[in-house]
C-alpha atoms as a PDB file:
ATOM      1  CA  MET A   1     -19.337 -22.870  18.106  1.00  0.00           C
ATOM      2  CA  ASN A   2     -17.600 -23.734  21.258  1.00  0.00           C
ATOM      3  CA  GLY A   3     -19.971 -22.804  24.446  1.00  0.00           C
ATOM      4  CA  ARG A   4     -16.925 -21.918  26.288  1.00  0.00           C
ATOM      5  CA  ARG A   5     -14.615 -18.984  24.762  1.00  0.00           C
ATOM      6  CA  THR A   6     -10.914 -19.784  24.475  1.00  0.00           C
ATOM      7  CA  GLY A   7      -8.856 -17.109  25.439  1.00  0.00           C
ATOM      8  CA  TRP A   8      -6.644 -14.740  23.683  1.00  0.00           C
ATOM      9  CA  ASP A   9      -3.932 -12.321  23.700  1.00  0.00           C
ATOM     10  CA  ALA A  10      -2.884  -9.574  21.402  1.00  0.00           C
ATOM     11  CA  VAL A  11       0.007  -8.562  19.656  1.00  0.00           C
ATOM     12  CA  VAL A  12       0.067  -4.597  18.543  1.00  0.00           C
ATOM     13  CA  LEU A  13       2.606  -3.927  15.783  1.00  0.00           C
ATOM     14  CA  ALA A  14       3.979  -0.357  16.532  1.00  0.00           C
ATOM     15  CA  GLY A  15       6.804  -0.046  15.126  1.00  0.00           C
ATOM     16  CA  GLY A  16       8.069   0.753  11.473  1.00  0.00           C
ATOM     17  CA  LEU A  17       9.145   4.191  10.012  1.00  0.00           C
ATOM     18  CA  ALA A  18       6.038   5.703   8.458  1.00  0.00           C
ATOM     19  CA  ARG A  19       7.974   6.656   5.406  1.00  0.00           C
ATOM     20  CA  ARG A  20       4.799   7.647   3.471  1.00  0.00           C
ATOM     21  CA  LEU A  21       3.747   9.937   6.420  1.00  0.00           C
ATOM     22  CA  GLY A  22       7.022  11.845   6.364  1.00  0.00           C
ATOM     23  CA  GLY A  23       9.036   9.324   9.132  1.00  0.00           C
ATOM     24  CA  VAL A  24       6.564  11.093  12.003  1.00  0.00           C
ATOM     25  CA  ASP A  25       5.477   8.077  15.023  1.00  0.00           C
ATOM     26  CA  LYS A  26       2.398   7.197  13.406  1.00  0.00           C
ATOM     27  CA  PRO A  27       1.147   5.539  16.785  1.00  0.00           C
ATOM     28  CA  ALA A  28       1.159   8.773  18.364  1.00  0.00           C
ATOM     29  CA  LEU A  29      -0.827  10.594  15.945  1.00  0.00           C
ATOM     30  CA  THR A  30      -3.851  11.653  17.348  1.00  0.00           C
ATOM     31  CA  ILE A  31      -7.711  11.056  16.287  1.00  0.00           C
ATOM     32  CA  GLY A  32     -10.282  12.376  17.817  1.00  0.00           C
ATOM     33  CA  GLU A  33      -8.983  12.867  21.469  1.00  0.00           C
ATOM     34  CA  LYS A  34      -7.177   9.510  21.042  1.00  0.00           C
ATOM     35  CA  THR A  35      -3.671   8.467  19.965  1.00  0.00           C
ATOM     36  CA  LEU A  36      -3.957   5.866  17.272  1.00  0.00           C
ATOM     37  CA  LEU A  37      -2.070   3.325  19.667  1.00  0.00           C
ATOM     38  CA  GLU A  38      -4.810   4.344  22.513  1.00  0.00           C
ATOM     39  CA  ARG A  39      -7.670   3.652  19.682  1.00  0.00           C
ATOM     40  CA  VAL A  40      -6.425  -0.242  19.007  1.00  0.00           C
ATOM     41  CA  LEU A  41      -5.391  -0.576  22.639  1.00  0.00           C
ATOM     42  CA  THR A  42      -9.137  -0.318  23.580  1.00  0.00           C
ATOM     43  CA  ALA A  43     -10.143  -2.630  20.891  1.00  0.00           C
ATOM     44  CA  VAL A  44      -8.051  -5.478  22.519  1.00  0.00           C
ATOM     45  CA  ASP A  45      -9.614  -4.250  26.416  1.00  0.00           C
ATOM     46  CA  ASP A  46     -10.725  -8.102  26.518  1.00  0.00           C
ATOM     47  CA  ALA A  47      -7.006  -9.843  25.795  1.00  0.00           C
ATOM     48  CA  GLN A  48      -5.483 -11.639  28.455  1.00  0.00           C
ATOM     49  CA  GLU A  49      -2.154  -9.941  27.563  1.00  0.00           C
ATOM     50  CA  VAL A  50      -1.422  -6.928  25.364  1.00  0.00           C
ATOM     51  CA  ILE A  51       1.917  -7.016  24.082  1.00  0.00           C
ATOM     52  CA  VAL A  52       3.114  -4.174  22.356  1.00  0.00           C
ATOM     53  CA  VAL A  53       5.895  -4.213  20.110  1.00  0.00           C
ATOM     54  CA  GLY A  54       7.888  -0.868  19.520  1.00  0.00           C
ATOM     55  CA  PRO A  55       9.001   1.903  21.126  1.00  0.00           C
ATOM     56  CA  ARG A  56       7.739   2.647  24.443  1.00  0.00           C
ATOM     57  CA  ARG A  57       5.171   5.215  24.622  1.00  0.00           C
ATOM     58  CA  PRO A  58       2.694   6.534  27.225  1.00  0.00           C
ATOM     59  CA  VAL A  59      -0.736   4.897  27.232  1.00  0.00           C
ATOM     60  CA  ALA A  60      -3.302   5.259  30.049  1.00  0.00           C
ATOM     61  CA  ALA A  61      -2.173   4.645  33.312  1.00  0.00           C
ATOM     62  CA  SER A  62      -4.703   1.945  33.991  1.00  0.00           C
ATOM     63  CA  ARG A  63      -3.497  -0.001  31.284  1.00  0.00           C
ATOM     64  CA  HIS A  64      -1.132  -3.338  31.475  1.00  0.00           C
ATOM     65  CA  VAL A  65       0.804  -3.463  28.490  1.00  0.00           C
ATOM     66  CA  VAL A  66       3.875  -5.582  27.543  1.00  0.00           C
ATOM     67  CA  TRP A  67       6.465  -4.014  25.814  1.00  0.00           C
ATOM     68  CA  THR A  68       9.027  -5.594  23.546  1.00  0.00           C
ATOM     69  CA  ARG A  69      11.118  -4.284  20.141  1.00  0.00           C
ATOM     70  CA  GLU A  70      11.784  -6.446  17.426  1.00  0.00           C
ATOM     71  CA  ARG A  71      15.138  -7.666  16.085  1.00  0.00           C
ATOM     72  CA  PRO A  72      16.454  -5.416  14.598  1.00  0.00           C
ATOM     73  CA  PRO A  73      14.462  -2.324  15.188  1.00  0.00           C
ATOM     74  CA  GLY A  74      12.726  -1.384  12.177  1.00  0.00           C
ATOM     75  CA  GLY A  75      12.908  -5.272  10.867  1.00  0.00           C
ATOM     76  CA  GLY A  76       9.322  -4.978   9.604  1.00  0.00           C
ATOM     77  CA  PRO A  77       6.259  -6.668  10.529  1.00  0.00           C
ATOM     78  CA  VAL A  78       7.388 -10.367  10.630  1.00  0.00           C
ATOM     79  CA  ALA A  79      10.198  -9.254  12.438  1.00  0.00           C
ATOM     80  CA  ALA A  80       7.425  -7.613  14.984  1.00  0.00           C
ATOM     81  CA  LEU A  81       5.288 -10.658  15.078  1.00  0.00           C
ATOM     82  CA  ALA A  82       8.277 -13.104  16.087  1.00  0.00           C
ATOM     83  CA  ALA A  83       9.227 -10.781  19.237  1.00  0.00           C
ATOM     84  CA  GLY A  84       5.525 -10.587  20.207  1.00  0.00           C
ATOM     85  CA  LEU A  85       4.595 -14.054  19.836  1.00  0.00           C
ATOM     86  CA  GLU A  86       7.853 -14.797  21.712  1.00  0.00           C
ATOM     87  CA  LEU A  87       5.541 -13.335  24.989  1.00  0.00           C
ATOM     88  CA  VAL A  88       2.298 -14.770  24.135  1.00  0.00           C
ATOM     89  CA  GLY A  89       0.693 -17.755  26.530  1.00  0.00           C
ATOM     90  CA  ALA A  90      -3.062 -17.814  24.861  1.00  0.00           C
ATOM     91  CA  PRO A  91      -3.740 -20.236  22.261  1.00  0.00           C
ATOM     92  CA  LEU A  92      -5.308 -17.875  20.197  1.00  0.00           C
ATOM     93  CA  VAL A  93      -3.565 -14.365  19.297  1.00  0.00           C
ATOM     94  CA  ALA A  94      -4.906 -11.041  17.817  1.00  0.00           C
ATOM     95  CA  VAL A  95      -2.434  -9.646  15.378  1.00  0.00           C
ATOM     96  CA  LEU A  96      -3.302  -5.682  14.708  1.00  0.00           C
ATOM     97  CA  ALA A  97      -1.190  -2.807  13.258  1.00  0.00           C
ATOM     98  CA  ALA A  98      -1.444   0.000  15.506  1.00  0.00           C
ATOM     99  CA  ASP A  99      -2.844   2.341  12.949  1.00  0.00           C
ATOM    100  CA  LEU A 100      -6.407   1.012  12.927  1.00  0.00           C
ATOM    101  CA  PRO A 101      -8.458   3.683  14.523  1.00  0.00           C
ATOM    102  CA  PHE A 102     -11.742   1.980  14.242  1.00  0.00           C
ATOM    103  CA  VAL A 103     -11.315  -1.373  15.219  1.00  0.00           C
ATOM    104  CA  THR A 104     -13.765  -2.114  18.104  1.00  0.00           C
ATOM    105  CA  ALA A 105     -13.947  -4.735  20.780  1.00  0.00           C
ATOM    106  CA  GLY A 106     -17.191  -5.939  18.776  1.00  0.00           C
ATOM    107  CA  THR A 107     -14.418  -6.392  15.981  1.00  0.00           C
ATOM    108  CA  LEU A 108     -12.383  -8.820  18.004  1.00  0.00           C
ATOM    109  CA  ASP A 109     -14.765 -10.740  19.330  1.00  0.00           C
ATOM    110  CA  THR A 110     -16.493 -11.619  16.029  1.00  0.00           C
ATOM    111  CA  LEU A 111     -12.734 -12.656  14.899  1.00  0.00           C
ATOM    112  CA  VAL A 112     -12.161 -14.743  18.151  1.00  0.00           C
ATOM    113  CA  ARG A 113     -15.460 -16.235  17.479  1.00  0.00           C
ATOM    114  CA  ALA A 114     -14.707 -17.085  13.534  1.00  0.00           C
ATOM    115  CA  VAL A 115     -11.621 -19.045  14.992  1.00  0.00           C
ATOM    116  CA  ASP A 116     -12.496 -20.550  17.810  1.00  0.00           C
ATOM    117  CA  ASP A 117     -14.990 -23.118  16.204  1.00  0.00           C
ATOM    118  CA  GLY A 118     -11.650 -25.154  15.119  1.00  0.00           C
ATOM    119  CA  LYS A 119     -12.086 -25.601  11.542  1.00  0.00           C
ATOM    120  CA  VAL A 120      -9.533 -22.711  10.684  1.00  0.00           C
ATOM    121  CA  GLN A 121      -6.129 -21.421  11.796  1.00  0.00           C
ATOM    122  CA  GLY A 122      -7.072 -17.467  11.773  1.00  0.00           C
ATOM    123  CA  ALA A 123      -9.819 -15.127  10.828  1.00  0.00           C
ATOM    124  CA  LEU A 124      -9.309 -11.726   8.991  1.00  0.00           C
ATOM    125  CA  LEU A 125     -11.121  -8.835   7.411  1.00  0.00           C
ATOM    126  CA  ALA A 126     -11.664  -7.891   4.233  1.00  0.00           C
ATOM    127  CA  ASP A 127     -12.156  -4.691   2.574  1.00  0.00           C
ATOM    128  CA  PRO A 128     -15.219  -3.427   0.378  1.00  0.00           C
ATOM    129  CA  ALA A 129     -12.444  -4.462  -2.680  1.00  0.00           C
ATOM    130  CA  GLY A 130     -12.275  -7.894  -1.464  1.00  0.00           C
ATOM    131  CA  ARG A 131      -8.556  -7.134  -0.300  1.00  0.00           C
ATOM    132  CA  ARG A 132      -7.308  -9.121   2.872  1.00  0.00           C
ATOM    133  CA  GLN A 133      -6.219  -7.380   6.063  1.00  0.00           C
ATOM    134  CA  TYR A 134      -3.605  -9.906   7.323  1.00  0.00           C
ATOM    135  CA  LEU A 135      -3.032  -6.893  10.072  1.00  0.00           C
ATOM    136  CA  THR A 136      -6.695  -7.263  11.237  1.00  0.00           C
ATOM    137  CA  GLY A 137      -6.763 -10.526  12.456  1.00  0.00           C
ATOM    138  CA  VAL A 138      -6.904 -13.418  14.711  1.00  0.00           C
ATOM    139  CA  TRP A 139      -4.922 -16.692  14.515  1.00  0.00           C
ATOM    140  CA  ARG A 140      -3.969 -19.979  16.147  1.00  0.00           C
ATOM    141  CA  THR A 141      -0.648 -19.191  18.176  1.00  0.00           C
ATOM    142  CA  SER A 142       0.778 -22.853  17.333  1.00  0.00           C
ATOM    143  CA  ALA A 143      -0.099 -22.016  13.364  1.00  0.00           C
ATOM    144  CA  LEU A 144       1.897 -18.617  13.656  1.00  0.00           C
ATOM    145  CA  ARG A 145       4.714 -19.788  15.469  1.00  0.00           C
ATOM    146  CA  ALA A 146       5.008 -23.087  12.779  1.00  0.00           C
ATOM    147  CA  ARG A 147       5.013 -20.552   9.700  1.00  0.00           C
ATOM    148  CA  LEU A 148       7.911 -17.879  11.174  1.00  0.00           C
ATOM    149  CA  PRO A 149      10.752 -17.827   9.147  1.00  0.00           C
ATOM    150  CA  VAL A 150      14.513 -18.346  10.404  1.00  0.00           C
ATOM    151  CA  VAL A 151      14.971 -14.838   8.987  1.00  0.00           C
ATOM    152  CA  THR A 152      12.416 -12.658   9.824  1.00  0.00           C
ATOM    153  CA  ALA A 153      13.990  -9.143   9.105  1.00  0.00           C
ATOM    154  CA  GLY A 154      12.500  -7.686   5.781  1.00  0.00           C
ATOM    155  CA  VAL A 155       9.960 -10.283   5.195  1.00  0.00           C
ATOM    156  CA  PRO A 156       6.700  -9.692   3.997  1.00  0.00           C
ATOM    157  CA  MET A 157       4.095 -10.715   6.470  1.00  0.00           C
ATOM    158  CA  ARG A 158       1.559 -11.736   3.420  1.00  0.00           C
ATOM    159  CA  SER A 159       4.138 -14.417   2.419  1.00  0.00           C
ATOM    160  CA  VAL A 160       3.890 -15.978   6.035  1.00  0.00           C
ATOM    161  CA  LEU A 161       0.170 -15.635   6.599  1.00  0.00           C
ATOM    162  CA  ALA A 162      -1.006 -16.275   3.141  1.00  0.00           C
ATOM    163  CA  GLY A 163      -0.783 -19.860   3.182  1.00  0.00           C
ATOM    164  CA  LEU A 164      -3.057 -20.186   6.470  1.00  0.00           C
ATOM    165  CA  PRO A 165      -6.320 -21.604   6.532  1.00  0.00           C
ATOM    166  CA  VAL A 166      -8.456 -19.015   7.272  1.00  0.00           C
ATOM    167  CA  ARG A 167     -11.965 -17.231   7.505  1.00  0.00           C
ATOM    168  CA  VAL A 168     -12.456 -14.143   5.637  1.00  0.00           C
ATOM    169  CA  LEU A 169     -15.057 -11.558   6.990  1.00  0.00           C
ATOM    170  CA  PRO A 170     -16.094  -8.923   4.872  1.00  0.00           C
ATOM    171  CA  ALA A 171     -16.056  -5.579   6.569  1.00  0.00           C
ATOM    172  CA  ASP A 172     -16.854  -2.038   5.561  1.00  0.00           C
ATOM    173  CA  ALA A 173     -14.486   0.727   4.492  1.00  0.00           C
ATOM    174  CA  ARG A 174     -14.366   2.523   8.206  1.00  0.00           C
ATOM    175  CA  VAL A 175     -13.149  -0.814   9.959  1.00  0.00           C
ATOM    176  CA  THR A 176     -10.704  -1.925   7.699  1.00  0.00           C
ATOM    177  CA  LEU A 177      -9.079   1.872   6.986  1.00  0.00           C
ATOM    178  CA  ASP A 178      -5.249   1.598   8.030  1.00  0.00           C
ATOM    179  CA  CYS A 179      -3.599   4.939   8.286  1.00  0.00           C
ATOM    180  CA  ASP A 180      -0.947   4.522   5.797  1.00  0.00           C
ATOM    181  CA  ARG A 181      -0.676   7.854   4.176  1.00  0.00           C
ATOM    182  CA  PRO A 182      -1.484  11.801   5.384  1.00  0.00           C
ATOM    183  CA  ALA A 183      -5.040  11.403   3.236  1.00  0.00           C
ATOM    184  CA  ASP A 184      -5.829   8.156   5.479  1.00  0.00           C
ATOM    185  CA  VAL A 185      -5.151  10.130   8.530  1.00  0.00           C
ATOM    186  CA  GLU A 186      -6.995  13.192   7.380  1.00  0.00           C
ATOM    187  CA  ARG A 187     -10.219  10.520   6.371  1.00  0.00           C
ATOM    188  CA  ALA A 188     -10.132   9.555   9.677  1.00  0.00           C
ATOM    189  CA  ARG A 189     -10.585  12.359  11.739  1.00  0.00           C
ATOM    190  CA  CYS A 190     -13.299  13.203   9.017  1.00  0.00           C
ATOM    191  CA  TRP A 191     -15.079  10.475  10.034  1.00  0.00           C
ATOM    192  CA  VAL A 192     -14.632  11.047  13.829  1.00  0.00           C
ATOM    193  CA  ARG A 193     -15.561  14.645  13.428  1.00  0.00           C
ATOM    194  CA  SER A 194     -18.852  13.807  11.804  1.00  0.00           C
ATOM    195  CA  ALA A 195     -19.853  11.427  14.411  1.00  0.00           C
ATOM    196  CA  GLY A 196     -21.003   9.128  12.247  1.00  0.00           C
ATOM    197  CA  SER A 197     -23.095  10.869  10.104  1.00  0.00           C
ATOM    198  CA  GLY A 198     -20.541  10.945   6.975  1.00  0.00           C
ATOM    199  CA  ALA A 199     -19.618   7.365   7.853  1.00  0.00           C
ATOM    200  CA  PRO A 200     -19.426   5.259   4.596  1.00  0.00           C
ATOM    201  CA  GLY A 201     -21.752   2.153   4.020  1.00  0.00           C
ATOM    202  CA  GLN A 202     -20.917  -1.453   2.687  1.00  0.00           C
ATOM    203  CA  ASP A 203     -19.966   0.026  -0.603  1.00  0.00           C
ATOM    204  CA  GLY A 204     -17.608   2.807   0.504  1.00  0.00           C
ATOM    205  CA  ARG A 205     -19.839   5.749  -1.133  1.00  0.00           C
ATOM    206  CA  VAL A 206     -19.132   8.647   1.164  1.00  0.00           C
ATOM    207  CA  SER A 207     -21.933  11.078   2.135  1.00  0.00           C
ATOM    208  CA  SER A 208     -20.540  14.238   3.616  1.00  0.00           C
ATOM    209  CA  LEU A 209     -18.063  17.271   2.241  1.00  0.00           C
ATOM    210  CA  ASP A 210     -14.887  16.042   4.486  1.00  0.00           C
ATOM    211  CA  ASP A 211     -15.301  12.843   3.189  1.00  0.00           C
ATOM    212  CA  TRP A 212     -15.631  14.339  -0.301  1.00  0.00           C
ATOM    213  CA  VAL A 213     -12.706  16.279  -0.558  1.00  0.00           C
ATOM    214  CA  VAL A 214     -10.736  13.375   1.009  1.00  0.00           C
ATOM    215  CA  ASP A 215     -11.519  10.980  -1.735  1.00  0.00           C
ATOM    216  CA  ALA A 216     -11.116  13.555  -4.557  1.00  0.00           C
ATOM    217  CA  ALA A 217      -7.938  14.933  -2.947  1.00  0.00           C
ATOM    218  CA  GLY A 218      -6.597  11.305  -3.276  1.00  0.00           C
ATOM    219  CA  ALA A 219      -8.006  10.713  -6.620  1.00  0.00           C
ATOM    220  CA  LEU A 220      -5.922  13.939  -7.472  1.00  0.00           C
ATOM    221  CA  ASP A 221      -2.388  12.892  -5.873  1.00  0.00           C
ATOM    222  CA  LEU A 222      -2.993  15.616  -3.206  1.00  0.00           C
ATOM    223  CA  ASP A 223      -2.651  15.983   0.381  1.00  0.00           C
ATOM    224  CA  PRO A 224      -5.782  17.088   1.831  1.00  0.00           C
ATOM    225  CA  ALA A 225      -4.421  17.913   4.890  1.00  0.00           C
ATOM    226  CA  LEU A 226      -3.023  20.878   3.473  1.00  0.00           C
ATOM    227  CA  LEU A 227      -6.074  22.113   1.424  1.00  0.00           C
ATOM    228  CA  ASP A 228      -7.774  25.454   2.815  1.00  0.00           C
ATOM    229  CA  VAL A 229     -11.103  24.158   2.391  1.00  0.00           C
ATOM    230  CA  GLN A 230     -12.773  26.816   4.315  1.00  0.00           C
ATOM    231  CA  GLY A 231     -10.772  29.366   2.500  1.00  0.00           C
ATOM    232  CA  VAL A 232     -12.041  28.043  -0.766  1.00  0.00           C
ATOM    233  CA  LEU A 233     -15.339  28.160   0.139  1.00  0.00           C
ATOM    234  CA  LYS A 234     -15.305  31.954   1.081  1.00  0.00           C
ATOM    235  CA  LEU A 235     -13.682  32.698  -1.945  1.00  0.00           C
ATOM    236  CA  ALA A 236     -16.746  30.997  -4.126  1.00  0.00           C
ATOM    237  CA  ARG A 237     -19.120  32.703  -1.960  1.00  0.00           C
ATOM    238  CA  GLU A 238     -17.814  35.975  -2.399  1.00  0.00           C
ATOM    239  CA  VAL A 239     -17.155  35.582  -5.794  1.00  0.00           C
ATOM    240  CA  ALA A 240     -21.066  34.258  -6.676  1.00  0.00           C
ATOM    241  CA  HIS A 241     -21.973  37.147  -4.689  1.00  0.00           C
ATOM    242  CA  ALA A 242     -20.180  39.784  -6.550  1.00  0.00           C
ATOM    243  CA  VAL A 243     -20.894  38.099  -9.750  1.00  0.00           C
ATOM    244  CA  GLU A 244     -22.769  35.568 -10.526  1.00  0.00           C
ATOM    245  CA  ARG A 245     -22.905  31.935  -9.475  1.00  0.00           C
ATOM    246  CA  PRO A 246     -21.189  30.467 -12.432  1.00  0.00           C
ATOM    247  CA  ALA A 247     -18.679  32.789 -11.974  1.00  0.00           C
ATOM    248  CA  ALA A 248     -17.724  30.700  -8.295  1.00  0.00           C
ATOM    249  CA  PRO A 249     -16.472  27.492  -9.744  1.00  0.00           C
ATOM    250  CA  LEU A 250     -14.578  29.033 -12.712  1.00  0.00           C
ATOM    251  CA  THR A 251     -12.635  30.751 -10.318  1.00  0.00           C
ATOM    252  CA  ALA A 252     -11.789  28.572  -7.905  1.00  0.00           C
ATOM    253  CA  PHE A 253     -10.369  26.739 -11.239  1.00  0.00           C
ATOM    254  CA  LEU A 254      -8.515  29.613 -12.127  1.00  0.00           C
ATOM    255  CA  VAL A 255      -7.123  30.093  -8.823  1.00  0.00           C
ATOM    256  CA  GLY A 256      -5.892  26.144  -8.981  1.00  0.00           C
ATOM    257  CA  LEU A 257      -4.430  26.969 -12.008  1.00  0.00           C
ATOM    258  CA  ALA A 258      -2.332  30.117 -10.836  1.00  0.00           C
ATOM    259  CA  ALA A 259      -1.648  28.353  -7.344  1.00  0.00           C
ATOM    260  CA  GLY A 260      -0.181  25.061  -9.341  1.00  0.00           C
ATOM    261  CA  ARG A 261       2.123  27.274 -11.668  1.00  0.00           C
ATOM    262  CA  ALA A 262       3.428  29.071  -8.455  1.00  0.00           C
ATOM    263  CA  GLY A 263       4.614  25.567  -6.814  1.00  0.00           C
ATOM    264  CA  GLY A 264       1.288  24.275  -5.281  1.00  0.00           C
ATOM    265  CA  ASP A 265       1.793  24.373  -1.770  1.00  0.00           C
ATOM    266  CA  PRO A 266      -0.479  26.189   0.769  1.00  0.00           C
ATOM    267  CA  ARG A 267       0.825  29.286   0.447  1.00  0.00           C
ATOM    268  CA  ALA A 268       0.842  29.416  -3.054  1.00  0.00           C
ATOM    269  CA  VAL A 269      -2.934  28.940  -2.879  1.00  0.00           C
ATOM    270  CA  ARG A 270      -3.292  31.644  -0.569  1.00  0.00           C
ATOM    271  CA  LEU A 271      -1.654  34.046  -2.263  1.00  0.00           C
ATOM    272  CA  ALA A 272      -3.984  33.034  -5.659  1.00  0.00           C
ATOM    273  CA  THR A 273      -7.218  33.286  -2.949  1.00  0.00           C
ATOM    274  CA  ASP A 274      -6.477  36.460  -2.013  1.00  0.00           C
ATOM    275  CA  ARG A 275      -5.735  38.532  -4.726  1.00  0.00           C
ATOM    276  CA  VAL A 276      -9.255  37.087  -6.134  1.00  0.00           C
ATOM    277  CA  LEU A 277     -10.681  38.508  -3.371  1.00  0.00           C
ATOM    278  CA  ALA A 278      -8.727  41.996  -3.362  1.00  0.00           C
ATOM    279  CA  LEU A 279     -10.255  42.320  -6.892  1.00  0.00           C
ATOM    280  CA  VAL A 280     -13.799  41.180  -5.895  1.00  0.00           C
ATOM    281  CA  ALA A 281     -13.368  43.900  -3.290  1.00  0.00           C
ATOM    282  CA  ALA A 282     -12.265  46.583  -5.628  1.00  0.00           C
ATOM    283  CA  ARG A 283     -15.066  45.732  -8.130  1.00  0.00           C
ATOM    284  CA  ALA A 284     -17.396  46.321  -4.984  1.00  0.00           C
ATOM    285  CA  GLY A 285     -16.197  49.632  -4.396  1.00  0.00           C
ATOM    286  CA  SER A 286     -16.218  50.456  -7.799  1.00  0.00           C
ATOM    287  CA  ASP A 287     -19.762  49.655  -8.497  1.00  0.00           C
ATOM    288  CA  ALA A 288     -20.314  51.596  -5.233  1.00  0.00           C
ATOM    289  CA  GLN A 289     -18.515  54.538  -6.567  1.00  0.00           C
ATOM    290  CA  ASP A 290     -20.682  54.312  -9.807  1.00  0.00           C
ATOM    291  CA  ALA A 291     -23.752  53.809  -8.252  1.00  0.00           C
ATOM    292  CA  GLN A 292     -23.162  57.183  -6.011  1.00  0.00           C
ATOM    293  CA  ARG A 293     -21.970  59.015  -9.189  1.00  0.00           C
ATOM    294  CA  ARG A 294     -25.428  58.210 -11.191  1.00  0.00           C
ATOM    295  CA  ILE A 295     -27.404  59.191  -7.885  1.00  0.00           C
ATOM    296  CA  GLN A 296     -25.831  62.539  -8.077  1.00  0.00           C
ATOM    297  CA  ASP A 297     -26.089  62.898 -11.577  1.00  0.00           C
ATOM    298  CA  ALA A 298     -29.854  62.086 -11.280  1.00  0.00           C
END
C-alpha cells in the first residue's frame, strides 16, 4: 500500500424511477432517522467532492453537495455516471447508488485502500452469494472515462464496468443491501429497529422475528410492509388460550386462506382476523354461561 493516500471524489446516483417501489422518490425514503440519500452521504464524508446525480433534494445544511442531472433525465445509471464524472477532479472516484442504507465510511476506506495500490482499476463489494455490486465501488477516474460509451442512455452499468480489472471484496448481507423492492426497505427498517441484535452474519442467516417475517414474505412473493404482524400474533395468542395451542397455527392458516380468497389485501386480513376473534369471544362467553348454569344447578 502507498504510505500516502490518494484523494477521491464520490458520485452518488440518485435518479431513476424506482418502478419496483411504485415510482416513489426512493432516495427520500426514511430508514431509521435518516433518508437513504443522507445515509449514503454520511458514508462519503471523507470525499474531496461529493456529486449527486438526480433531482435536488433537502440534505443537511452542513453538507457541501454538487448537484447535476443525467442526460436525458431518467436515462439510467450509465448516463448518470457520465454526468457525474464530468465534475470529478480526483484520481479516484467512489460510485454509489443512493439506496445503500448500511454502507459506511469504513466501507469506503477499505475500498479506497484496495484500489490505491496501483494494481487494479477498481474495487467493489460482492454479496454473500458472490454477486458483484457494481454500484458499491471505488474506481480510477481515468479508467471509467475511457470505458464510457458514446451513447449512455439505457446502457447497463455491468457492460461498462465488467471489463475492468478489479479487486472484489466479500461483504455481508447488510452492507450489500440495496433497497430496490418494498421487502428490501422493510428489511432495512427491521435491522435498524433491532439496533444490530438481528443483523445477519457472514452466511446471511437472520436471528429475529422481524427478519424472519421479511424473508418468509419475500419467499412467498408478498410485501412485508403490508402485513399486520401484531394482529396475527394477537390472533394466535387468543386462540391458543381459548382452545389449545395447536389451534393457533391452524387458525392463522385458515385466516390466510380466507383473506387470499377475498383478495389478499390488508383489509381482507383484518376482516378475517376480526371474525375469528369474534368467534373466540363468543365461545368464551358461551363457556362462561355454561359454567354459571352448572354452578346454579349444583
